[in-house]
């Protein structure tokens, strides 16, 4: 009896994990356009908690659709020394709406990015699989149209992160910060 229960549990786990990686069915590239605040960040990268989590603060993202249907991604955040960190990539569309791929020159990794949930005038949850030298890591981001989010949205993001295999201590709701 326990073997059957274990098999059912495994099937349910893999179904939830697989569905969490599927882009949303009603993705609208035009509605992703504009300014977003990066308010949540979570990863299964081993170095995250020790190296980055304590110092991370909210940043902004400008998402601009290109004529070809790709997505111009520009991220900035104000560092503690007053300088600006900037990161820019062009995420190329795939045959699946809401799924994009790009190579990040700064970090030297391939990125498979999927918009998995969004209410475009409020929030977007983005799930990215980053691969470098044959090793993959998961990165989830919570984007919001405002710098303040509800407790319900925080919980939604937290649960999504747990469902995609990220430990609780690797989930960060970022504190407000000045803008670049």
C-alpha atoms as a PDB file:
ATOM      1  CA  UNK A   1       0.000   0.000   0.000  1.00  0.00           C
ATOM      2  CA  UNK A   2       2.790   2.432   0.829  1.00  0.00           C
ATOM      3  CA  UNK A   3       4.406   1.887  -2.579  1.00  0.00           C
ATOM      4  CA  UNK A   4       1.216   2.986  -4.355  1.00  0.00           C
ATOM      5  CA  UNK A   5       0.937   6.063  -2.119  1.00  0.00           C
ATOM      6  CA  UNK A   6       4.569   6.953  -2.767  1.00  0.00           C
ATOM      7  CA  UNK A   7       4.078   6.629  -6.533  1.00  0.00           C
ATOM      8  CA  UNK A   8       1.009   8.863  -6.431  1.00  0.00           C
ATOM      9  CA  UNK A   9       2.881  11.425  -4.357  1.00  0.00           C
ATOM     10  CA  UNK A  10       5.794  11.393  -6.830  1.00  0.00           C
ATOM     11  CA  UNK A  11       3.458  11.880  -9.790  1.00  0.00           C
ATOM     12  CA  UNK A  12       1.745  14.802  -8.041  1.00  0.00           C
ATOM     13  CA  UNK A  13       5.095  16.403  -7.168  1.00  0.00           C
ATOM     14  CA  UNK A  14       6.414  16.183 -10.722  1.00  0.00           C
ATOM     15  CA  UNK A  15       3.099  17.427 -12.137  1.00  0.00           C
ATOM     16  CA  UNK A  16       3.205  20.532  -9.918  1.00  0.00           C
ATOM     17  CA  UNK A  17       6.887  21.154 -10.696  1.00  0.00           C
ATOM     18  CA  UNK A  18       6.377  20.720 -14.449  1.00  0.00           C
ATOM     19  CA  UNK A  19       3.281  22.920 -14.547  1.00  0.00           C
ATOM     20  CA  UNK A  20       5.126  25.661 -12.652  1.00  0.00           C
ATOM     21  CA  UNK A  21       7.549  25.920 -15.544  1.00  0.00           C
ATOM     22  CA  UNK A  22       4.903  26.319 -18.248  1.00  0.00           C
ATOM     23  CA  UNK A  23       4.334  29.879 -19.482  1.00  0.00           C
ATOM     24  CA  UNK A  24       0.858  31.251 -18.904  1.00  0.00           C
ATOM     25  CA  UNK A  25      -1.638  30.405 -21.622  1.00  0.00           C
ATOM     26  CA  UNK A  26      -2.922  33.959 -22.168  1.00  0.00           C
ATOM     27  CA  UNK A  27       0.436  35.740 -22.318  1.00  0.00           C
ATOM     28  CA  UNK A  28       0.290  39.178 -23.966  1.00  0.00           C
ATOM     29  CA  UNK A  29       3.676  40.658 -24.924  1.00  0.00           C
ATOM     30  CA  UNK A  30       2.264  44.164 -25.285  1.00  0.00           C
ATOM     31  CA  UNK A  31       0.935  44.113 -21.736  1.00  0.00           C
ATOM     32  CA  UNK A  32       4.395  43.193 -20.377  1.00  0.00           C
ATOM     33  CA  UNK A  33       5.740  46.491 -21.698  1.00  0.00           C
ATOM     34  CA  UNK A  34       6.753  49.253 -19.349  1.00  0.00           C
ATOM     35  CA  UNK A  35       8.262  49.850 -15.958  1.00  0.00           C
ATOM     36  CA  UNK A  36       8.247  47.148 -13.294  1.00  0.00           C
ATOM     37  CA  UNK A  37       9.672  47.027  -9.785  1.00  0.00           C
ATOM     38  CA  UNK A  38      11.675  43.913  -8.965  1.00  0.00           C
ATOM     39  CA  UNK A  39      10.147  43.189  -5.548  1.00  0.00           C
ATOM     40  CA  UNK A  40      10.821  39.472  -5.100  1.00  0.00           C
ATOM     41  CA  UNK A  41      13.829  37.306  -5.874  1.00  0.00           C
ATOM     42  CA  UNK A  42      14.396  33.616  -5.193  1.00  0.00           C
ATOM     43  CA  UNK A  43      16.919  31.060  -6.369  1.00  0.00           C
ATOM     44  CA  UNK A  44      18.292  27.643  -5.609  1.00  0.00           C
ATOM     45  CA  UNK A  45      21.846  28.931  -6.231  1.00  0.00           C
ATOM     46  CA  UNK A  46      23.958  27.777  -3.281  1.00  0.00           C
ATOM     47  CA  UNK A  47      25.878  31.043  -2.930  1.00  0.00           C
ATOM     48  CA  UNK A  48      22.787  33.294  -2.796  1.00  0.00           C
ATOM     49  CA  UNK A  49      22.099  33.376   0.953  1.00  0.00           C
ATOM     50  CA  UNK A  50      25.759  33.796   1.944  1.00  0.00           C
ATOM     51  CA  UNK A  51      26.742  36.305  -0.728  1.00  0.00           C
ATOM     52  CA  UNK A  52      23.797  38.404  -1.864  1.00  0.00           C
ATOM     53  CA  UNK A  53      20.517  38.068   0.039  1.00  0.00           C
ATOM     54  CA  UNK A  54      21.266  40.402   2.970  1.00  0.00           C
ATOM     55  CA  UNK A  55      22.311  43.280   0.701  1.00  0.00           C
ATOM     56  CA  UNK A  56      19.670  42.979  -2.018  1.00  0.00           C
ATOM     57  CA  UNK A  57      17.247  45.847  -2.456  1.00  0.00           C
ATOM     58  CA  UNK A  58      14.436  46.594  -4.865  1.00  0.00           C
ATOM     59  CA  UNK A  59      15.359  47.534  -8.410  1.00  0.00           C
ATOM     60  CA  UNK A  60      13.482  48.458 -11.554  1.00  0.00           C
ATOM     61  CA  UNK A  61      13.038  46.795 -14.899  1.00  0.00           C
ATOM     62  CA  UNK A  62      12.047  48.304 -18.213  1.00  0.00           C
ATOM     63  CA  UNK A  63      10.562  45.708 -20.526  1.00  0.00           C
ATOM     64  CA  UNK A  64      10.194  46.786 -24.130  1.00  0.00           C
ATOM     65  CA  UNK A  65       8.819  44.498 -26.856  1.00  0.00           C
ATOM     66  CA  UNK A  66      10.746  44.679 -30.119  1.00  0.00           C
ATOM     67  CA  UNK A  67       9.191  44.695 -33.587  1.00  0.00           C
ATOM     68  CA  UNK A  68      10.229  41.032 -33.971  1.00  0.00           C
ATOM     69  CA  UNK A  69       8.400  39.960 -30.806  1.00  0.00           C
ATOM     70  CA  UNK A  70      11.519  39.727 -28.648  1.00  0.00           C
ATOM     71  CA  UNK A  71      11.797  41.468 -25.281  1.00  0.00           C
ATOM     72  CA  UNK A  72      14.373  44.137 -24.445  1.00  0.00           C
ATOM     73  CA  UNK A  73      15.154  43.703 -20.725  1.00  0.00           C
ATOM     74  CA  UNK A  74      16.852  46.534 -18.821  1.00  0.00           C
ATOM     75  CA  UNK A  75      17.377  46.108 -15.079  1.00  0.00           C
ATOM     76  CA  UNK A  76      18.818  48.726 -12.731  1.00  0.00           C
ATOM     77  CA  UNK A  77      19.224  49.086  -9.002  1.00  0.00           C
ATOM     78  CA  UNK A  78      20.836  51.680  -6.810  1.00  0.00           C
ATOM     79  CA  UNK A  79      23.837  50.245  -4.969  1.00  0.00           C
ATOM     80  CA  UNK A  80      24.722  51.220  -1.385  1.00  0.00           C
ATOM     81  CA  UNK A  81      27.624  53.382  -2.626  1.00  0.00           C
ATOM     82  CA  UNK A  82      25.223  55.485  -4.722  1.00  0.00           C
ATOM     83  CA  UNK A  83      26.283  54.008  -8.056  1.00  0.00           C
ATOM     84  CA  UNK A  84      23.925  52.218 -10.412  1.00  0.00           C
ATOM     85  CA  UNK A  85      24.048  48.560 -11.358  1.00  0.00           C
ATOM     86  CA  UNK A  86      22.726  48.067 -14.893  1.00  0.00           C
ATOM     87  CA  UNK A  87      22.033  44.910 -16.834  1.00  0.00           C
ATOM     88  CA  UNK A  88      20.605  44.704 -20.346  1.00  0.00           C
ATOM     89  CA  UNK A  89      19.658  41.707 -22.477  1.00  0.00           C
ATOM     90  CA  UNK A  90      17.513  40.963 -25.492  1.00  0.00           C
ATOM     91  CA  UNK A  91      15.340  37.945 -24.733  1.00  0.00           C
ATOM     92  CA  UNK A  92      14.432  36.176 -27.952  1.00  0.00           C
ATOM     93  CA  UNK A  93      10.913  34.865 -28.377  1.00  0.00           C
ATOM     94  CA  UNK A  94      10.356  31.148 -28.803  1.00  0.00           C
ATOM     95  CA  UNK A  95       7.505  29.277 -30.438  1.00  0.00           C
ATOM     96  CA  UNK A  96       5.758  29.333 -27.039  1.00  0.00           C
ATOM     97  CA  UNK A  97       4.211  32.697 -26.064  1.00  0.00           C
ATOM     98  CA  UNK A  98       5.647  33.893 -22.745  1.00  0.00           C
ATOM     99  CA  UNK A  99       8.870  31.912 -23.122  1.00  0.00           C
ATOM    100  CA  UNK A 100      12.128  33.644 -24.080  1.00  0.00           C
ATOM    101  CA  UNK A 101      15.788  32.672 -24.279  1.00  0.00           C
ATOM    102  CA  UNK A 102      18.957  34.720 -24.017  1.00  0.00           C
ATOM    103  CA  UNK A 103      22.656  34.493 -23.255  1.00  0.00           C
ATOM    104  CA  UNK A 104      23.792  36.755 -20.421  1.00  0.00           C
ATOM    105  CA  UNK A 105      27.303  37.985 -21.262  1.00  0.00           C
ATOM    106  CA  UNK A 106      27.888  39.441 -17.787  1.00  0.00           C
ATOM    107  CA  UNK A 107      27.325  36.108 -15.975  1.00  0.00           C
ATOM    108  CA  UNK A 108      28.180  33.797 -18.888  1.00  0.00           C
ATOM    109  CA  UNK A 109      24.995  31.737 -18.749  1.00  0.00           C
ATOM    110  CA  UNK A 110      22.123  30.657 -20.965  1.00  0.00           C
ATOM    111  CA  UNK A 111      18.684  31.690 -19.746  1.00  0.00           C
ATOM    112  CA  UNK A 112      15.331  30.044 -20.430  1.00  0.00           C
ATOM    113  CA  UNK A 113      12.813  32.588 -19.117  1.00  0.00           C
ATOM    114  CA  UNK A 114       9.071  31.979 -18.762  1.00  0.00           C
ATOM    115  CA  UNK A 115       6.330  34.345 -17.626  1.00  0.00           C
ATOM    116  CA  UNK A 116       4.283  31.859 -15.611  1.00  0.00           C
ATOM    117  CA  UNK A 117       1.684  34.109 -13.986  1.00  0.00           C
ATOM    118  CA  UNK A 118       0.651  37.716 -14.436  1.00  0.00           C
ATOM    119  CA  UNK A 119      -2.056  40.241 -13.919  1.00  0.00           C
ATOM    120  CA  UNK A 120      -0.320  42.695 -16.235  1.00  0.00           C
ATOM    121  CA  UNK A 121      -1.498  45.855 -14.514  1.00  0.00           C
ATOM    122  CA  UNK A 122      -0.327  44.530 -11.114  1.00  0.00           C
ATOM    123  CA  UNK A 123       2.323  41.775 -11.147  1.00  0.00           C
ATOM    124  CA  UNK A 124       4.250  39.173 -13.135  1.00  0.00           C
ATOM    125  CA  UNK A 125       6.000  36.053 -11.864  1.00  0.00           C
ATOM    126  CA  UNK A 126       8.950  35.051 -14.016  1.00  0.00           C
ATOM    127  CA  UNK A 127      10.645  31.641 -13.790  1.00  0.00           C
ATOM    128  CA  UNK A 128      14.111  31.344 -15.334  1.00  0.00           C
ATOM    129  CA  UNK A 129      16.382  28.338 -15.701  1.00  0.00           C
ATOM    130  CA  UNK A 130      19.996  29.554 -15.903  1.00  0.00           C
ATOM    131  CA  UNK A 131      22.578  27.125 -17.289  1.00  0.00           C
ATOM    132  CA  UNK A 132      26.343  27.493 -17.202  1.00  0.00           C
ATOM    133  CA  UNK A 133      28.901  24.780 -17.881  1.00  0.00           C
ATOM    134  CA  UNK A 134      26.210  22.087 -17.817  1.00  0.00           C
ATOM    135  CA  UNK A 135      24.840  23.113 -14.400  1.00  0.00           C
ATOM    136  CA  UNK A 136      21.398  24.652 -14.013  1.00  0.00           C
ATOM    137  CA  UNK A 137      19.909  26.914 -11.369  1.00  0.00           C
ATOM    138  CA  UNK A 138      16.386  28.223 -10.936  1.00  0.00           C
ATOM    139  CA  UNK A 139      15.680  31.938 -10.534  1.00  0.00           C
ATOM    140  CA  UNK A 140      12.196  33.262  -9.799  1.00  0.00           C
ATOM    141  CA  UNK A 141      11.395  36.960  -9.893  1.00  0.00           C
ATOM    142  CA  UNK A 142       8.342  38.850  -8.755  1.00  0.00           C
ATOM    143  CA  UNK A 143       7.740  42.034 -10.726  1.00  0.00           C
ATOM    144  CA  UNK A 144       5.170  44.597  -9.609  1.00  0.00           C
ATOM    145  CA  UNK A 145       3.842  47.763 -11.194  1.00  0.00           C
ATOM    146  CA  UNK A 146       4.189  49.439  -7.782  1.00  0.00           C
ATOM    147  CA  UNK A 147       6.895  49.355  -5.115  1.00  0.00           C
ATOM    148  CA  UNK A 148       4.390  48.120  -2.527  1.00  0.00           C
ATOM    149  CA  UNK A 149       2.800  44.667  -2.717  1.00  0.00           C
ATOM    150  CA  UNK A 150       0.067  42.913  -0.788  1.00  0.00           C
ATOM    151  CA  UNK A 151       0.593  40.079   1.667  1.00  0.00           C
ATOM    152  CA  UNK A 152      -1.460  37.839  -0.652  1.00  0.00           C
ATOM    153  CA  UNK A 153       0.969  38.492  -3.513  1.00  0.00           C
ATOM    154  CA  UNK A 154       3.968  37.839  -1.246  1.00  0.00           C
ATOM    155  CA  UNK A 155       2.412  34.517  -0.252  1.00  0.00           C
ATOM    156  CA  UNK A 156       1.612  33.629  -3.873  1.00  0.00           C
ATOM    157  CA  UNK A 157       5.254  34.229  -4.825  1.00  0.00           C
ATOM    158  CA  UNK A 158       6.543  32.332  -1.772  1.00  0.00           C
ATOM    159  CA  UNK A 159       4.365  29.314  -2.559  1.00  0.00           C
ATOM    160  CA  UNK A 160       5.401  29.353  -6.227  1.00  0.00           C
ATOM    161  CA  UNK A 161       9.054  29.378  -5.181  1.00  0.00           C
ATOM    162  CA  UNK A 162       8.560  26.457  -2.798  1.00  0.00           C
ATOM    163  CA  UNK A 163       6.692  24.577  -5.556  1.00  0.00           C
ATOM    164  CA  UNK A 164       9.679  25.037  -7.892  1.00  0.00           C
ATOM    165  CA  UNK A 165      12.152  23.587  -5.397  1.00  0.00           C
ATOM    166  CA  UNK A 166      13.522  26.733  -3.784  1.00  0.00           C
ATOM    167  CA  UNK A 167      14.167  26.636  -0.054  1.00  0.00           C
ATOM    168  CA  UNK A 168      12.397  29.145   2.196  1.00  0.00           C
ATOM    169  CA  UNK A 169      15.679  30.839   3.168  1.00  0.00           C
ATOM    170  CA  UNK A 170      16.425  31.509  -0.517  1.00  0.00           C
ATOM    171  CA  UNK A 171      13.280  33.606  -1.018  1.00  0.00           C
ATOM    172  CA  UNK A 172      13.658  37.368  -0.631  1.00  0.00           C
ATOM    173  CA  UNK A 173      11.038  40.092  -0.669  1.00  0.00           C
ATOM    174  CA  UNK A 174      13.221  43.090  -1.424  1.00  0.00           C
ATOM    175  CA  UNK A 175      13.193  46.297   0.586  1.00  0.00           C
ATOM    176  CA  UNK A 176      12.408  49.601  -1.091  1.00  0.00           C
ATOM    177  CA  UNK A 177      15.329  51.481  -2.531  1.00  0.00           C
ATOM    178  CA  UNK A 178      16.040  54.664  -4.440  1.00  0.00           C
ATOM    179  CA  UNK A 179      16.046  54.511  -8.221  1.00  0.00           C
ATOM    180  CA  UNK A 180      18.804  55.081 -10.717  1.00  0.00           C
END
